[in-house]
Amino acid sequence: MGIVDLLLRLPGGAVYLQDFYELRMTDKEVPIDAAGLLWACAYKHAKDYLEGNHLPALIEWTQALNYFRSICQWKMRLYLDGMDNPHKEYRTKEGAYEEKMRHQEIIMPK
């Protein structure tokens, strides 16, 4: 008794999330790049997203975050744009080096 295929009738209910459950990362903090995940979801729904309908991508984004937190039991550390992310520290150092080299080219042109 009940509603047959209820999940499939709900918004985003037909979306299959990869099986991250088996990774068993419940004992440590898991860094999540919020913009990267949102970009991946926007890519999956590119046609809608480019037409200005961001809802399908946002639904999938929130479903993924809920899946990681609720089903996989991950202790997520969500990194949003503008936050210092130690996992992307190499980019900061690389950018500082490139800026230094550009500054040197201005002072001492070839």
N, C-alpha and C. Protein backbone atom coordinates (compact mmCIF):
# COMPACT_ATOMS: atom_id res chain seq x y z
N MET A 1 0.84 -1.18 0.00
CA MET A 1 0.00 0.00 0.00
C MET A 1 0.88 1.24 0.00
N GLY A 2 0.42 2.28 -0.63
CA GLY A 2 1.20 3.50 -0.70
C GLY A 2 1.25 4.01 -2.13
N ILE A 3 2.04 5.02 -2.33
CA ILE A 3 2.16 5.63 -3.65
C ILE A 3 3.31 4.94 -4.38
N VAL A 4 3.01 4.40 -5.54
CA VAL A 4 4.02 3.72 -6.35
C VAL A 4 4.95 4.76 -6.97
N ASP A 5 6.25 4.52 -6.89
CA ASP A 5 7.26 5.41 -7.48
C ASP A 5 7.15 6.85 -6.97
N LEU A 6 6.94 7.01 -5.69
CA LEU A 6 6.80 8.36 -5.12
C LEU A 6 8.05 9.20 -5.36
N LEU A 7 9.22 8.62 -5.15
CA LEU A 7 10.45 9.38 -5.30
C LEU A 7 10.59 9.94 -6.72
N LEU A 8 10.21 9.16 -7.71
CA LEU A 8 10.33 9.62 -9.10
C LEU A 8 9.38 10.77 -9.41
N ARG A 9 8.32 10.92 -8.62
CA ARG A 9 7.35 11.99 -8.87
C ARG A 9 7.75 13.31 -8.20
N LEU A 10 8.73 13.26 -7.31
CA LEU A 10 9.18 14.46 -6.61
C LEU A 10 10.22 15.20 -7.46
N PRO A 11 10.34 16.54 -7.30
CA PRO A 11 11.33 17.29 -8.08
C PRO A 11 12.74 16.76 -7.81
N GLY A 12 13.41 16.36 -8.86
CA GLY A 12 14.77 15.85 -8.73
C GLY A 12 14.85 14.43 -8.21
N GLY A 13 13.73 13.76 -8.03
CA GLY A 13 13.72 12.42 -7.45
C GLY A 13 14.31 11.34 -8.33
N ALA A 14 14.40 11.61 -9.63
CA ALA A 14 14.95 10.62 -10.56
C ALA A 14 16.47 10.73 -10.68
N VAL A 15 17.06 11.70 -9.97
CA VAL A 15 18.50 11.91 -10.07
C VAL A 15 19.24 10.84 -9.28
N TYR A 16 20.20 10.21 -9.93
CA TYR A 16 21.01 9.20 -9.25
C TYR A 16 22.31 9.83 -8.81
N LEU A 17 22.62 9.71 -7.55
CA LEU A 17 23.89 10.22 -7.03
C LEU A 17 24.90 9.08 -7.00
N GLN A 18 26.13 9.40 -7.33
CA GLN A 18 27.17 8.38 -7.31
C GLN A 18 27.26 7.80 -5.91
N ASP A 19 27.75 6.61 -5.81
CA ASP A 19 27.80 5.93 -4.52
C ASP A 19 29.06 6.31 -3.76
N PHE A 20 28.99 7.43 -3.06
CA PHE A 20 30.10 7.87 -2.22
C PHE A 20 30.01 7.23 -0.84
N TYR A 21 28.91 6.57 -0.58
CA TYR A 21 28.67 5.96 0.74
C TYR A 21 29.78 4.99 1.12
N GLU A 22 30.26 4.24 0.15
CA GLU A 22 31.28 3.22 0.41
C GLU A 22 32.64 3.80 0.77
N LEU A 23 32.84 5.09 0.57
CA LEU A 23 34.14 5.69 0.89
C LEU A 23 34.40 5.70 2.39
N ARG A 24 33.35 5.68 3.19
CA ARG A 24 33.48 5.63 4.65
C ARG A 24 34.40 6.72 5.21
N MET A 25 34.09 7.95 4.89
CA MET A 25 34.89 9.07 5.39
C MET A 25 34.17 9.77 6.54
N THR A 26 33.68 9.00 7.48
CA THR A 26 32.90 9.57 8.58
C THR A 26 33.77 10.07 9.72
N ASP A 27 35.04 9.69 9.75
CA ASP A 27 35.89 10.04 10.88
C ASP A 27 36.67 11.32 10.70
N LYS A 28 36.62 11.94 9.51
CA LYS A 28 37.37 13.17 9.30
C LYS A 28 36.54 14.16 8.50
N GLU A 29 36.99 15.41 8.52
CA GLU A 29 36.31 16.47 7.81
C GLU A 29 36.57 16.34 6.31
N VAL A 30 35.53 16.50 5.52
CA VAL A 30 35.66 16.37 4.06
C VAL A 30 35.48 17.75 3.43
N PRO A 31 36.50 18.27 2.74
CA PRO A 31 36.35 19.58 2.10
C PRO A 31 35.48 19.49 0.85
N ILE A 32 34.54 20.39 0.72
CA ILE A 32 33.65 20.44 -0.45
C ILE A 32 33.77 21.84 -1.06
N ASP A 33 34.15 21.90 -2.32
CA ASP A 33 34.21 23.16 -3.05
C ASP A 33 32.80 23.45 -3.57
N ALA A 34 32.11 24.37 -2.91
CA ALA A 34 30.70 24.65 -3.23
C ALA A 34 30.52 25.10 -4.68
N ALA A 35 31.40 25.98 -5.15
CA ALA A 35 31.28 26.48 -6.52
C ALA A 35 31.56 25.38 -7.53
N GLY A 36 32.53 24.53 -7.25
CA GLY A 36 32.84 23.42 -8.16
C GLY A 36 31.67 22.46 -8.28
N LEU A 37 31.05 22.14 -7.16
CA LEU A 37 29.89 21.24 -7.17
C LEU A 37 28.72 21.90 -7.91
N LEU A 38 28.51 23.19 -7.67
CA LEU A 38 27.42 23.90 -8.35
C LEU A 38 27.69 23.95 -9.86
N TRP A 39 28.95 24.16 -10.24
CA TRP A 39 29.31 24.18 -11.65
C TRP A 39 29.01 22.83 -12.30
N ALA A 40 29.34 21.74 -11.61
CA ALA A 40 29.07 20.40 -12.14
C ALA A 40 27.57 20.19 -12.31
N CYS A 41 26.79 20.67 -11.37
CA CYS A 41 25.33 20.53 -11.47
C CYS A 41 24.78 21.41 -12.59
N ALA A 42 25.33 22.60 -12.76
CA ALA A 42 24.91 23.49 -13.86
C ALA A 42 25.25 22.86 -15.20
N TYR A 43 26.38 22.18 -15.27
CA TYR A 43 26.79 21.51 -16.50
C TYR A 43 25.80 20.41 -16.88
N LYS A 44 25.33 19.67 -15.88
CA LYS A 44 24.36 18.60 -16.14
C LYS A 44 23.04 19.16 -16.66
N HIS A 45 22.73 20.38 -16.25
CA HIS A 45 21.47 21.02 -16.65
C HIS A 45 21.77 22.26 -17.49
N ALA A 46 22.73 22.15 -18.38
CA ALA A 46 23.25 23.30 -19.14
C ALA A 46 22.17 24.04 -19.91
N LYS A 47 21.31 23.32 -20.60
CA LYS A 47 20.28 23.98 -21.42
C LYS A 47 19.39 24.86 -20.54
N ASP A 48 18.89 24.30 -19.45
CA ASP A 48 18.06 25.10 -18.54
C ASP A 48 18.85 26.24 -17.93
N TYR A 49 20.06 25.94 -17.51
CA TYR A 49 20.89 26.93 -16.82
C TYR A 49 21.18 28.13 -17.73
N LEU A 50 21.53 27.85 -18.98
CA LEU A 50 21.84 28.93 -19.91
C LEU A 50 20.61 29.74 -20.29
N GLU A 51 19.44 29.14 -20.18
CA GLU A 51 18.19 29.87 -20.46
C GLU A 51 17.71 30.65 -19.23
N GLY A 52 18.46 30.60 -18.14
CA GLY A 52 18.10 31.36 -16.94
C GLY A 52 17.34 30.57 -15.90
N ASN A 53 17.05 29.31 -16.17
CA ASN A 53 16.35 28.47 -15.20
C ASN A 53 17.40 27.72 -14.36
N HIS A 54 17.76 28.29 -13.23
CA HIS A 54 18.81 27.72 -12.40
C HIS A 54 18.29 26.68 -11.41
N LEU A 55 16.98 26.56 -11.32
CA LEU A 55 16.37 25.67 -10.32
C LEU A 55 16.81 24.20 -10.43
N PRO A 56 16.83 23.59 -11.62
CA PRO A 56 17.26 22.19 -11.67
C PRO A 56 18.68 21.98 -11.14
N ALA A 57 19.58 22.89 -11.47
CA ALA A 57 20.96 22.78 -10.98
C ALA A 57 21.02 22.98 -9.46
N LEU A 58 20.26 23.92 -8.95
CA LEU A 58 20.25 24.16 -7.50
C LEU A 58 19.63 22.99 -6.74
N ILE A 59 18.60 22.39 -7.32
CA ILE A 59 17.98 21.22 -6.68
C ILE A 59 18.99 20.09 -6.59
N GLU A 60 19.70 19.83 -7.69
CA GLU A 60 20.69 18.75 -7.68
C GLU A 60 21.83 19.07 -6.72
N TRP A 61 22.23 20.34 -6.64
CA TRP A 61 23.30 20.78 -5.75
C TRP A 61 22.93 20.51 -4.29
N THR A 62 21.71 20.90 -3.91
CA THR A 62 21.28 20.68 -2.53
C THR A 62 21.09 19.20 -2.24
N GLN A 63 20.62 18.45 -3.23
CA GLN A 63 20.49 17.00 -3.04
C GLN A 63 21.85 16.35 -2.80
N ALA A 64 22.84 16.78 -3.55
CA ALA A 64 24.18 16.21 -3.37
C ALA A 64 24.71 16.53 -1.98
N LEU A 65 24.56 17.78 -1.55
CA LEU A 65 25.03 18.16 -0.21
C LEU A 65 24.29 17.38 0.88
N ASN A 66 22.98 17.23 0.73
CA ASN A 66 22.20 16.46 1.70
C ASN A 66 22.60 14.99 1.70
N TYR A 67 22.88 14.46 0.52
CA TYR A 67 23.32 13.06 0.40
C TYR A 67 24.63 12.85 1.14
N PHE A 68 25.59 13.75 0.91
CA PHE A 68 26.89 13.62 1.59
C PHE A 68 26.73 13.69 3.10
N ARG A 69 25.90 14.64 3.55
CA ARG A 69 25.74 14.86 5.00
C ARG A 69 24.89 13.78 5.66
N SER A 70 23.74 13.46 5.05
CA SER A 70 22.79 12.56 5.69
C SER A 70 23.06 11.09 5.46
N ILE A 71 23.26 10.70 4.23
CA ILE A 71 23.45 9.29 3.90
C ILE A 71 24.88 8.85 4.14
N CYS A 72 25.83 9.64 3.62
CA CYS A 72 27.25 9.26 3.77
C CYS A 72 27.80 9.61 5.15
N GLN A 73 27.09 10.45 5.89
CA GLN A 73 27.51 10.88 7.23
C GLN A 73 28.84 11.62 7.22
N TRP A 74 29.09 12.38 6.15
CA TRP A 74 30.33 13.15 6.07
C TRP A 74 30.23 14.38 6.96
N LYS A 75 31.32 14.72 7.58
CA LYS A 75 31.45 15.99 8.30
C LYS A 75 32.03 16.96 7.27
N MET A 76 31.16 17.66 6.59
CA MET A 76 31.59 18.49 5.48
C MET A 76 32.12 19.84 5.94
N ARG A 77 33.13 20.30 5.25
CA ARG A 77 33.61 21.68 5.39
C ARG A 77 33.35 22.31 4.04
N LEU A 78 32.31 23.11 3.96
CA LEU A 78 31.87 23.70 2.70
C LEU A 78 32.65 25.00 2.45
N TYR A 79 33.41 25.03 1.37
CA TYR A 79 34.19 26.21 1.01
C TYR A 79 33.45 27.00 -0.06
N LEU A 80 33.11 28.23 0.28
CA LEU A 80 32.44 29.13 -0.64
C LEU A 80 33.48 30.09 -1.23
N ASP A 81 33.13 30.75 -2.33
CA ASP A 81 34.07 31.70 -2.94
C ASP A 81 34.44 32.78 -1.93
N GLY A 82 35.71 33.14 -1.92
CA GLY A 82 36.20 34.17 -1.02
C GLY A 82 36.75 33.64 0.29
N MET A 83 36.51 32.36 0.58
CA MET A 83 37.04 31.76 1.80
C MET A 83 38.44 31.18 1.52
N ASP A 84 39.31 31.26 2.52
CA ASP A 84 40.62 30.62 2.39
C ASP A 84 40.43 29.11 2.43
N ASN A 85 40.89 28.47 1.38
CA ASN A 85 40.78 27.02 1.28
C ASN A 85 42.19 26.44 1.28
N PRO A 86 42.58 25.76 2.36
CA PRO A 86 43.94 25.23 2.43
C PRO A 86 44.23 24.20 1.33
N HIS A 87 43.21 23.61 0.76
CA HIS A 87 43.41 22.62 -0.29
C HIS A 87 43.70 23.27 -1.64
N LYS A 88 43.52 24.60 -1.71
CA LYS A 88 43.84 25.33 -2.94
C LYS A 88 44.96 26.33 -2.70
N GLU A 89 45.73 26.09 -1.66
CA GLU A 89 46.82 27.01 -1.30
C GLU A 89 47.83 27.15 -2.44
N TYR A 90 48.05 26.08 -3.18
CA TYR A 90 49.00 26.12 -4.29
C TYR A 90 48.62 27.18 -5.31
N ARG A 91 47.30 27.41 -5.49
CA ARG A 91 46.86 28.43 -6.43
C ARG A 91 47.25 29.82 -5.95
N THR A 92 47.13 30.05 -4.66
CA THR A 92 47.47 31.34 -4.09
C THR A 92 48.96 31.61 -4.28
N LYS A 93 49.79 30.61 -3.98
CA LYS A 93 51.24 30.78 -4.14
C LYS A 93 51.60 30.96 -5.61
N GLU A 94 50.94 30.20 -6.48
CA GLU A 94 51.19 30.29 -7.92
C GLU A 94 50.80 31.68 -8.43
N GLY A 95 49.67 32.17 -7.97
CA GLY A 95 49.20 33.50 -8.38
C GLY A 95 50.13 34.59 -7.89
N ALA A 96 50.64 34.47 -6.67
CA ALA A 96 51.57 35.46 -6.12
C ALA A 96 52.86 35.47 -6.93
N TYR A 97 53.34 34.30 -7.33
CA TYR A 97 54.56 34.20 -8.13
C TYR A 97 54.35 34.84 -9.50
N GLU A 98 53.20 34.55 -10.12
CA GLU A 98 52.92 35.13 -11.44
C GLU A 98 52.81 36.65 -11.35
N GLU A 99 52.20 37.15 -10.29
CA GLU A 99 52.09 38.60 -10.10
C GLU A 99 53.47 39.22 -9.93
N LYS A 100 54.32 38.58 -9.19
CA LYS A 100 55.69 39.06 -8.98
C LYS A 100 56.43 39.12 -10.32
N MET A 101 56.27 38.08 -11.14
CA MET A 101 56.94 38.05 -12.44
C MET A 101 56.40 39.14 -13.37
N ARG A 102 55.10 39.38 -13.35
CA ARG A 102 54.52 40.45 -14.16
C ARG A 102 55.06 41.80 -13.72
N HIS A 103 55.19 41.99 -12.42
CA HIS A 103 55.70 43.24 -11.86
C HIS A 103 57.14 43.44 -12.31
N GLN A 104 57.94 42.40 -12.31
CA GLN A 104 59.33 42.49 -12.74
C GLN A 104 59.42 42.84 -14.23
N GLU A 105 58.52 42.31 -15.05
CA GLU A 105 58.52 42.61 -16.48
C GLU A 105 58.20 44.08 -16.72
N ILE A 106 57.36 44.66 -15.87
CA ILE A 106 57.02 46.07 -16.01
C ILE A 106 58.24 46.92 -15.68
N ILE A 107 58.93 46.54 -14.61
CA ILE A 107 60.09 47.32 -14.17
C ILE A 107 61.28 47.11 -15.12
N MET A 108 61.51 45.85 -15.49
CA MET A 108 62.66 45.52 -16.32
C MET A 108 62.19 44.80 -17.59
N PRO A 109 61.69 45.54 -18.59
CA PRO A 109 61.22 44.90 -19.81
C PRO A 109 62.36 44.19 -20.56
N LYS A 110 62.00 43.19 -21.34
CA LYS A 110 63.01 42.41 -22.08
C LYS A 110 63.60 43.19 -23.22
